[in-house]
Amino acid sequence: MNIDHNLWKIIQNGNSEKSLGKDSKGGIIILPLVSFEEHVAVQTEKKARTLLLQSLPEESKKMRKTMLKQAFSEFSVSEEEGLHKGYDRFQKILSQLNQMHAKPDNDDVNIKFLRALPPS
């Protein structure tokens, strides 16, 4: 994506999505908005990661795909980790599986995440 396209996406979608986090005492805080430069940096990092994965030898790709599938199947969220961090970690696994063209079905993803949550 070029910079103009990224800027247009922010203009269309707005830059007002609020991200939640936790402070050092465990209280919920609203994180600051993402700047255009930060958005471009994230997109560049994703592109670099994809290119790196594509350049791996075939055996490494198979091993990586197997490790990601195992991480997906063994995924769970602890009470200490919390919902937000657990969800972020789950999304990272799914993103990497998608880059390896091995993303599970949406139904499997939803069921897996719900079953991975700690009991209430």
Foldseek 3Di string as FASTA:
>chain_A
DDLVVLVVVCVVVPQPDWDWDADPVRDIDTDDTQDSVNSVVVVVVLVVVLVVLVPDPPVVLVVVLVVLVVCLVPQADDVVCDDVNSVVVLVVSQSVCVSSVNHDDPVSSVVSHVVRYDDD
